[in-house]
Amino acid sequence: QLDKFIKVEYLAKCPGKNIFVNTSVCDSLREGDEIQYTLSVTLLKCPETAEPFVLEVKTSQEKLMIEIEPLCDCGCDEPGHKMREENSPTCKGHGTLACGVCNCNQGYHGANCLCSDSDLGPGEVRSCNKGEPDECSGNGFCSCGHCVCHPNYSGKRCQCNRRSCLSLSSAG
């Protein structure tokens, strides 16, 4: 019944894979294998009663319960609303906080409008495929147009696994 109101998308980085793929299942798992998941939940339309509801997310071995409270027709994105703040400190003074989300002013981007387009060189804006399955090779996240790599990964696009690099260099 919830699928009329929400859309859930899974991305999984299965053992032996270098990128996230659109799946919630990884095959041929062995003890000690690690799976990384990214979950996207989108409210498609408001239910008749905008009461909070629980979304149960199941992975191969775990279950996660997410409570969702839809904000429907609250008007929080309208000028003058108590939940709207122009040049909000939450948005580092470079955007409007509306309904709990920063809407950045022109020339700024990022979750809290931390990133300025002028701080980046030519062609660097969104150079790390923000939001794409191959964002930072699946081994990091995009911040201000640059990849911030997870531990044990390096490179401009987090493409180098330091463990593999270390084992290859110590073998020779």
C-alpha atoms as a PDB file:
ATOM      1  CA  GLN A   1       0.000   0.000   0.000  1.00  0.00           C
ATOM      2  CA  LEU A   2       2.909   2.386   0.690  1.00  0.00           C
ATOM      3  CA  ASP A   3       4.119   2.076  -2.913  1.00  0.00           C
ATOM      4  CA  LYS A   4       1.309   4.462  -3.928  1.00  0.00           C
ATOM      5  CA  PHE A   5       2.913   7.172  -1.794  1.00  0.00           C
ATOM      6  CA  ILE A   6       6.642   6.493  -1.755  1.00  0.00           C
ATOM      7  CA  LYS A   7       9.309   5.255  -4.114  1.00  0.00           C
ATOM      8  CA  VAL A   8      12.237   3.322  -2.651  1.00  0.00           C
ATOM      9  CA  GLU A   9      15.420   2.786  -4.653  1.00  0.00           C
ATOM     10  CA  TYR A  10      18.323   0.620  -3.539  1.00  0.00           C
ATOM     11  CA  LEU A  11      21.909   0.878  -4.704  1.00  0.00           C
ATOM     12  CA  ALA A  12      24.290  -1.825  -3.511  1.00  0.00           C
ATOM     13  CA  LYS A  13      28.030  -2.246  -3.821  1.00  0.00           C
ATOM     14  CA  CYS A  14      28.428  -6.006  -3.688  1.00  0.00           C
ATOM     15  CA  PRO A  15      31.707  -7.775  -2.820  1.00  0.00           C
ATOM     16  CA  GLY A  16      34.086  -7.782  -5.761  1.00  0.00           C
ATOM     17  CA  LYS A  17      32.325  -4.875  -7.474  1.00  0.00           C
ATOM     18  CA  ASN A  18      33.781  -1.378  -7.735  1.00  0.00           C
ATOM     19  CA  ILE A  19      30.539   0.510  -8.288  1.00  0.00           C
ATOM     20  CA  PHE A  20      27.053   0.747  -6.827  1.00  0.00           C
ATOM     21  CA  VAL A  21      24.368  -0.997  -8.898  1.00  0.00           C
ATOM     22  CA  ASN A  22      20.585  -0.741  -8.752  1.00  0.00           C
ATOM     23  CA  THR A  23      19.806  -3.815  -6.622  1.00  0.00           C
ATOM     24  CA  SER A  24      18.959  -4.781  -3.065  1.00  0.00           C
ATOM     25  CA  VAL A  25      20.488  -8.286  -3.306  1.00  0.00           C
ATOM     26  CA  CYS A  26      24.074  -9.498  -3.638  1.00  0.00           C
ATOM     27  CA  ASP A  27      24.717 -13.120  -4.603  1.00  0.00           C
ATOM     28  CA  SER A  28      27.470 -15.565  -3.577  1.00  0.00           C
ATOM     29  CA  LEU A  29      28.214 -13.979  -0.218  1.00  0.00           C
ATOM     30  CA  ARG A  30      30.900 -15.405   2.035  1.00  0.00           C
ATOM     31  CA  GLU A  31      31.465 -14.900   5.728  1.00  0.00           C
ATOM     32  CA  GLY A  32      33.092 -11.511   6.320  1.00  0.00           C
ATOM     33  CA  ASP A  33      31.919  -9.987   3.009  1.00  0.00           C
ATOM     34  CA  GLU A  34      30.866  -6.362   3.297  1.00  0.00           C
ATOM     35  CA  ILE A  35      27.978  -4.836   1.366  1.00  0.00           C
ATOM     36  CA  GLN A  36      27.459  -1.076   1.129  1.00  0.00           C
ATOM     37  CA  TYR A  37      23.928   0.201   0.522  1.00  0.00           C
ATOM     38  CA  THR A  38      22.548   3.551  -0.499  1.00  0.00           C
ATOM     39  CA  LEU A  39      18.827   4.006  -0.090  1.00  0.00           C
ATOM     40  CA  SER A  40      16.721   6.738  -1.664  1.00  0.00           C
ATOM     41  CA  VAL A  41      13.162   7.337  -0.415  1.00  0.00           C
ATOM     42  CA  THR A  42      10.970   9.768  -2.359  1.00  0.00           C
ATOM     43  CA  LEU A  43       7.500  10.898  -1.299  1.00  0.00           C
ATOM     44  CA  LEU A  44       5.461  10.694  -4.519  1.00  0.00           C
ATOM     45  CA  LYS A  45       2.258  12.130  -3.110  1.00  0.00           C
ATOM     46  CA  CYS A  46       0.772  12.786   0.285  1.00  0.00           C
ATOM     47  CA  PRO A  47      -1.490  10.185   1.829  1.00  0.00           C
ATOM     48  CA  GLU A  48      -5.024  11.314   2.710  1.00  0.00           C
ATOM     49  CA  THR A  49      -3.939  11.529   6.333  1.00  0.00           C
ATOM     50  CA  ALA A  50      -0.455  12.961   6.654  1.00  0.00           C
ATOM     51  CA  GLU A  51       0.253  10.800   9.696  1.00  0.00           C
ATOM     52  CA  PRO A  52       3.753   9.405  10.256  1.00  0.00           C
ATOM     53  CA  PHE A  53       4.273   5.866   8.971  1.00  0.00           C
ATOM     54  CA  VAL A  54       7.036   3.285   9.231  1.00  0.00           C
ATOM     55  CA  LEU A  55       8.990   1.977   6.254  1.00  0.00           C
ATOM     56  CA  GLU A  56      10.624  -1.401   6.783  1.00  0.00           C
ATOM     57  CA  VAL A  57      13.801  -1.825   4.737  1.00  0.00           C
ATOM     58  CA  LYS A  58      15.199  -5.341   4.415  1.00  0.00           C
ATOM     59  CA  THR A  59      18.693  -6.190   3.208  1.00  0.00           C
ATOM     60  CA  SER A  60      20.375  -9.586   2.948  1.00  0.00           C
ATOM     61  CA  GLN A  61      20.896  -9.937   6.693  1.00  0.00           C
ATOM     62  CA  GLU A  62      19.411  -6.896   8.407  1.00  0.00           C
ATOM     63  CA  LYS A  63      16.197  -4.975   8.794  1.00  0.00           C
ATOM     64  CA  LEU A  64      15.954  -1.206   9.243  1.00  0.00           C
ATOM     65  CA  MET A  65      12.840   0.626  10.384  1.00  0.00           C
ATOM     66  CA  ILE A  66      12.508   4.228   9.151  1.00  0.00           C
ATOM     67  CA  GLU A  67       9.781   6.497  10.486  1.00  0.00           C
ATOM     68  CA  ILE A  68       8.600   8.935   7.832  1.00  0.00           C
ATOM     69  CA  GLU A  69       6.573  12.016   8.664  1.00  0.00           C
ATOM     70  CA  PRO A  70       5.282  13.565   5.441  1.00  0.00           C
ATOM     71  CA  LEU A  71       5.107  17.363   5.334  1.00  0.00           C
ATOM     72  CA  CYS A  72       2.129  17.935   3.078  1.00  0.00           C
ATOM     73  CA  ASP A  73       0.817  21.336   2.111  1.00  0.00           C
ATOM     74  CA  CYS A  74       2.400  22.959   5.128  1.00  0.00           C
ATOM     75  CA  GLY A  75       3.348  26.034   3.101  1.00  0.00           C
ATOM     76  CA  CYS A  76       6.857  25.988   4.545  1.00  0.00           C
ATOM     77  CA  ASP A  77       8.311  26.983   1.179  1.00  0.00           C
ATOM     78  CA  GLU A  78       6.164  30.134   1.004  1.00  0.00           C
ATOM     79  CA  PRO A  79       7.750  33.521   1.878  1.00  0.00           C
ATOM     80  CA  GLY A  80       6.901  34.590   5.416  1.00  0.00           C
ATOM     81  CA  HIS A  81       6.259  31.059   6.720  1.00  0.00           C
ATOM     82  CA  LYS A  82       7.742  30.350  10.168  1.00  0.00           C
ATOM     83  CA  MET A  83       9.685  27.356   8.750  1.00  0.00           C
ATOM     84  CA  ARG A  84      11.305  29.476   6.005  1.00  0.00           C
ATOM     85  CA  GLU A  85      14.456  31.477   6.693  1.00  0.00           C
ATOM     86  CA  GLU A  86      16.239  33.585   4.065  1.00  0.00           C
ATOM     87  CA  ASN A  87      20.070  33.563   4.215  1.00  0.00           C
ATOM     88  CA  SER A  88      19.845  30.991   6.999  1.00  0.00           C
ATOM     89  CA  PRO A  89      22.856  30.197   9.208  1.00  0.00           C
ATOM     90  CA  THR A  90      22.072  26.521   8.507  1.00  0.00           C
ATOM     91  CA  CYS A  91      22.742  27.343   4.844  1.00  0.00           C
ATOM     92  CA  LYS A  92      25.901  29.271   5.805  1.00  0.00           C
ATOM     93  CA  GLY A  93      24.134  32.517   4.862  1.00  0.00           C
ATOM     94  CA  HIS A  94      24.109  31.513   1.172  1.00  0.00           C
ATOM     95  CA  GLY A  95      20.611  30.084   0.855  1.00  0.00           C
ATOM     96  CA  THR A  96      17.060  29.829   2.108  1.00  0.00           C
ATOM     97  CA  LEU A  97      16.100  27.154   4.619  1.00  0.00           C
ATOM     98  CA  ALA A  98      12.614  25.962   3.659  1.00  0.00           C
ATOM     99  CA  CYS A  99      10.932  22.819   4.972  1.00  0.00           C
ATOM    100  CA  GLY A 100      14.234  21.729   6.520  1.00  0.00           C
ATOM    101  CA  VAL A 101      16.189  21.880   3.243  1.00  0.00           C
ATOM    102  CA  CYS A 102      18.654  24.505   2.004  1.00  0.00           C
ATOM    103  CA  ASN A 103      17.832  26.057  -1.361  1.00  0.00           C
ATOM    104  CA  CYS A 104      21.151  27.633  -2.296  1.00  0.00           C
ATOM    105  CA  ASN A 105      21.535  31.074  -3.843  1.00  0.00           C
ATOM    106  CA  GLN A 106      22.979  31.258  -7.343  1.00  0.00           C
ATOM    107  CA  GLY A 107      26.697  30.486  -7.302  1.00  0.00           C
ATOM    108  CA  TYR A 108      26.466  28.133  -4.285  1.00  0.00           C
ATOM    109  CA  HIS A 109      25.704  24.442  -3.967  1.00  0.00           C
ATOM    110  CA  GLY A 110      26.047  21.524  -1.579  1.00  0.00           C
ATOM    111  CA  ALA A 111      23.899  20.236   1.283  1.00  0.00           C
ATOM    112  CA  ASN A 112      24.377  23.401   3.363  1.00  0.00           C
ATOM    113  CA  CYS A 113      25.444  25.768   0.551  1.00  0.00           C
ATOM    114  CA  LEU A 114      29.059  25.375   1.677  1.00  0.00           C
ATOM    115  CA  CYS A 115      30.409  25.195  -1.845  1.00  0.00           C
ATOM    116  CA  SER A 116      30.972  28.232  -4.023  1.00  0.00           C
ATOM    117  CA  ASP A 117      31.227  27.839  -7.789  1.00  0.00           C
ATOM    118  CA  SER A 118      34.013  30.449  -7.739  1.00  0.00           C
ATOM    119  CA  ASP A 119      36.157  28.185  -5.488  1.00  0.00           C
ATOM    120  CA  LEU A 120      36.395  25.596  -8.269  1.00  0.00           C
ATOM    121  CA  GLY A 121      38.519  25.736 -11.353  1.00  0.00           C
ATOM    122  CA  PRO A 122      37.082  25.537 -14.868  1.00  0.00           C
ATOM    123  CA  GLY A 123      35.145  22.308 -15.436  1.00  0.00           C
ATOM    124  CA  GLU A 124      35.334  21.189 -11.807  1.00  0.00           C
ATOM    125  CA  VAL A 125      31.716  21.846 -10.840  1.00  0.00           C
ATOM    126  CA  ARG A 126      30.010  18.481 -10.409  1.00  0.00           C
ATOM    127  CA  SER A 127      33.139  16.809 -11.768  1.00  0.00           C
ATOM    128  CA  CYS A 128      32.625  13.856  -9.447  1.00  0.00           C
ATOM    129  CA  ASN A 129      29.224  12.805 -10.834  1.00  0.00           C
ATOM    130  CA  LYS A 130      27.280  13.762  -7.703  1.00  0.00           C
ATOM    131  CA  GLY A 131      24.251  11.538  -7.209  1.00  0.00           C
ATOM    132  CA  GLU A 132      25.242   9.091  -9.939  1.00  0.00           C
ATOM    133  CA  PRO A 133      25.881   5.393  -9.182  1.00  0.00           C
ATOM    134  CA  ASP A 134      29.551   5.886 -10.142  1.00  0.00           C
ATOM    135  CA  GLU A 135      29.984   8.952  -7.912  1.00  0.00           C
ATOM    136  CA  CYS A 136      33.619   8.863  -6.775  1.00  0.00           C
ATOM    137  CA  SER A 137      33.895   5.293  -8.130  1.00  0.00           C
ATOM    138  CA  GLY A 138      31.481   4.231  -5.392  1.00  0.00           C
ATOM    139  CA  ASN A 139      34.297   4.662  -2.855  1.00  0.00           C
ATOM    140  CA  GLY A 140      33.520   8.133  -1.513  1.00  0.00           C
ATOM    141  CA  PHE A 141      31.181  11.092  -1.833  1.00  0.00           C
ATOM    142  CA  CYS A 142      31.167  14.352  -3.732  1.00  0.00           C
ATOM    143  CA  SER A 143      31.760  17.539  -1.749  1.00  0.00           C
ATOM    144  CA  CYS A 144      32.172  20.900  -3.454  1.00  0.00           C
ATOM    145  CA  GLY A 145      32.987  19.249  -6.766  1.00  0.00           C
ATOM    146  CA  HIS A 146      35.717  17.017  -5.347  1.00  0.00           C
ATOM    147  CA  CYS A 147      35.672  13.426  -4.141  1.00  0.00           C
ATOM    148  CA  VAL A 148      36.120  12.770  -0.431  1.00  0.00           C
ATOM    149  CA  CYS A 149      37.287   9.156  -0.288  1.00  0.00           C
ATOM    150  CA  HIS A 150      36.250   6.487   2.203  1.00  0.00           C
ATOM    151  CA  PRO A 151      39.070   5.015   4.349  1.00  0.00           C
ATOM    152  CA  ASN A 152      41.562   2.917   2.358  1.00  0.00           C
ATOM    153  CA  TYR A 153      40.735   4.675  -0.947  1.00  0.00           C
ATOM    154  CA  SER A 154      42.524   7.503  -2.715  1.00  0.00           C
ATOM    155  CA  GLY A 155      42.817   9.207  -6.091  1.00  0.00           C
ATOM    156  CA  LYS A 156      40.955  12.046  -7.784  1.00  0.00           C
ATOM    157  CA  ARG A 157      37.890   9.781  -8.147  1.00  0.00           C
ATOM    158  CA  CYS A 158      38.689   7.427  -5.188  1.00  0.00           C
ATOM    159  CA  GLN A 159      39.628   4.802  -7.765  1.00  0.00           C
ATOM    160  CA  CYS A 160      42.657   3.399  -5.920  1.00  0.00           C
ATOM    161  CA  ASN A 161      42.145   0.814  -3.188  1.00  0.00           C
ATOM    162  CA  ARG A 162      45.091   1.391  -0.850  1.00  0.00           C
ATOM    163  CA  ARG A 163      44.919  -2.211   0.390  1.00  0.00           C
ATOM    164  CA  SER A 164      45.396  -3.504  -3.156  1.00  0.00           C
ATOM    165  CA  CYS A 165      48.101  -0.933  -3.843  1.00  0.00           C
ATOM    166  CA  LEU A 166      49.949  -1.898  -0.636  1.00  0.00           C
ATOM    167  CA  SER A 167      49.719  -5.635  -1.289  1.00  0.00           C
ATOM    168  CA  LEU A 168      50.922  -5.172  -4.888  1.00  0.00           C
ATOM    169  CA  SER A 169      53.854  -2.950  -3.872  1.00  0.00           C
ATOM    170  CA  SER A 170      54.941  -5.243  -1.006  1.00  0.00           C
ATOM    171  CA  ALA A 171      54.784  -8.294  -3.298  1.00  0.00           C
ATOM    172  CA  GLY A 172      57.320  -6.878  -5.705  1.00  0.00           C
END
